[in-house]
């Protein structure tokens, strides 16, 4: 979609997607496609967003949160194992989580979002 701007304001239907992150935007556009098949015509973006929020968004966000949490936990355990192999004393999971969050979490989330939105 092409976004035109006037004095820094978004115009056109894309403005309705700005409050969503790139991964959820993709899920909404996929939903719009299948909603169009179900309805037999292009429902338009606003209709698709309303349908998404009413029928799918809460469950999709719950599943995404659970998947992200599980993937982060794997990364934290991997980080803890790396510390142990590199000669550090035994590190608790809580300390490993703090260290991983401080050092790697932001980059990990950005990469995960970039991978999911391509």
Protein backbone atom coordinates (compact mmCIF):
# COMPACT_ATOMS: atom_id res chain seq x y z
CA UNK A 1 0.00 0.00 0.00
CA UNK A 2 1.18 3.48 -0.75
CA UNK A 3 1.06 6.05 2.02
CA UNK A 4 0.77 9.69 1.00
CA UNK A 5 1.64 12.30 3.58
CA UNK A 6 0.46 15.84 3.98
CA UNK A 7 2.29 17.92 6.60
CA UNK A 8 3.53 14.71 8.24
CA UNK A 9 0.05 13.19 8.59
CA UNK A 10 -0.73 9.84 7.08
CA UNK A 11 -3.62 9.76 4.69
CA UNK A 12 -5.39 6.88 3.04
CA UNK A 13 -6.26 3.47 4.47
CA UNK A 14 -2.70 2.75 5.68
CA UNK A 15 -3.25 5.07 8.62
CA UNK A 16 -5.53 2.41 10.11
CA UNK A 17 -2.60 -0.01 10.33
CA UNK A 18 -0.11 2.28 12.05
CA UNK A 19 -1.03 1.13 15.55
CA UNK A 20 -0.12 -2.48 14.70
CA UNK A 21 3.37 -3.92 14.58
CA UNK A 22 4.60 -5.32 11.24
CA UNK A 23 3.79 -8.93 12.12
CA UNK A 24 0.21 -8.20 13.11
CA UNK A 25 -0.21 -5.96 10.05
CA UNK A 26 0.66 -8.97 7.91
CA UNK A 27 -1.83 -11.13 9.80
CA UNK A 28 -4.54 -8.49 9.26
CA UNK A 29 -3.82 -8.32 5.54
CA UNK A 30 -3.95 -12.13 5.34
CA UNK A 31 -7.27 -11.99 7.20
CA UNK A 32 -8.54 -9.36 4.73
CA UNK A 33 -7.68 -11.69 1.84
CA UNK A 34 -9.56 -14.67 3.31
CA UNK A 35 -12.44 -12.48 4.48
CA UNK A 36 -12.78 -11.30 0.88
CA UNK A 37 -12.98 -14.90 -0.30
CA UNK A 38 -15.59 -15.65 2.36
CA UNK A 39 -17.66 -12.56 1.48
CA UNK A 40 -17.22 -12.82 -2.27
CA UNK A 41 -15.87 -9.26 -2.62
CA UNK A 42 -13.10 -7.05 -1.27
CA UNK A 43 -14.28 -6.04 2.20
CA UNK A 44 -11.93 -3.07 2.45
CA UNK A 45 -9.28 -2.54 5.07
CA UNK A 46 -11.45 -0.97 7.76
CA UNK A 47 -13.98 -3.82 7.58
CA UNK A 48 -11.12 -6.33 7.75
CA UNK A 49 -9.63 -4.62 10.80
CA UNK A 50 -13.00 -4.56 12.55
CA UNK A 51 -13.48 -8.26 11.77
CA UNK A 52 -9.92 -9.03 12.91
CA UNK A 53 -10.42 -7.26 16.24
CA UNK A 54 -13.83 -8.84 16.84
CA UNK A 55 -13.02 -12.41 15.80
CA UNK A 56 -9.29 -13.17 15.85
CA UNK A 57 -7.03 -10.55 17.42
CA UNK A 58 -7.22 -11.63 21.07
CA UNK A 59 -6.49 -15.29 20.33
CA UNK A 60 -3.76 -14.42 17.80
CA UNK A 61 -2.05 -12.11 20.31
CA UNK A 62 -2.26 -14.74 23.06
CA UNK A 63 -0.70 -17.38 20.81
CA UNK A 64 1.99 -14.97 19.62
CA UNK A 65 2.82 -13.97 23.20
CA UNK A 66 3.10 -17.62 24.25
CA UNK A 67 5.31 -18.45 21.25
CA UNK A 68 7.54 -15.43 21.89
CA UNK A 69 7.84 -16.30 25.57
CA UNK A 70 8.79 -19.91 24.80
CA UNK A 71 11.36 -18.82 22.20
CA UNK A 72 12.87 -16.28 24.62
CA UNK A 73 13.08 -18.92 27.33
CA UNK A 74 15.07 -21.16 24.98
CA UNK A 75 17.43 -18.25 24.27
CA UNK A 76 17.87 -17.57 28.00
CA UNK A 77 18.69 -21.22 28.67
CA UNK A 78 21.15 -21.19 25.76
CA UNK A 79 22.76 -18.05 27.19
CA UNK A 80 23.02 -19.70 30.63
CA UNK A 81 24.67 -22.78 29.09
CA UNK A 82 27.15 -20.58 27.19
CA UNK A 83 28.10 -18.81 30.43
CA UNK A 84 28.62 -22.15 32.18
CA UNK A 85 30.79 -23.45 29.31
CA UNK A 86 32.89 -20.31 29.29
CA UNK A 87 33.98 -20.89 32.87
CA UNK A 88 31.59 -18.73 34.81
CA UNK A 89 30.30 -20.02 38.09
CA UNK A 90 26.93 -21.75 38.12
CA UNK A 91 24.44 -19.05 37.20
CA UNK A 92 20.80 -19.10 38.24
CA UNK A 93 18.07 -18.90 35.64
CA UNK A 94 16.98 -15.59 37.15
CA UNK A 95 20.48 -14.11 36.73
CA UNK A 96 20.74 -15.56 33.23
CA UNK A 97 17.38 -14.01 32.33
CA UNK A 98 18.48 -10.61 33.64
CA UNK A 99 21.77 -10.82 31.73
CA UNK A 100 20.13 -11.95 28.50
CA UNK A 101 17.44 -9.28 28.72
CA UNK A 102 20.00 -6.54 29.36
CA UNK A 103 22.36 -7.68 26.60
CA UNK A 104 20.35 -9.41 23.89
CA UNK A 105 16.56 -9.11 24.24
CA UNK A 106 16.00 -5.93 22.21
CA UNK A 107 18.06 -7.18 19.27
CA UNK A 108 16.43 -10.62 19.46
CA UNK A 109 12.93 -9.08 19.34
CA UNK A 110 13.86 -6.86 16.42
CA UNK A 111 15.27 -9.83 14.45
CA UNK A 112 12.24 -11.98 15.29
CA UNK A 113 9.87 -9.26 14.09
CA UNK A 114 11.94 -8.68 10.94
CA UNK A 115 11.95 -12.43 10.14
CA UNK A 116 8.23 -12.81 10.75
CA UNK A 117 7.30 -9.81 8.62
CA UNK A 118 9.25 -10.90 5.53
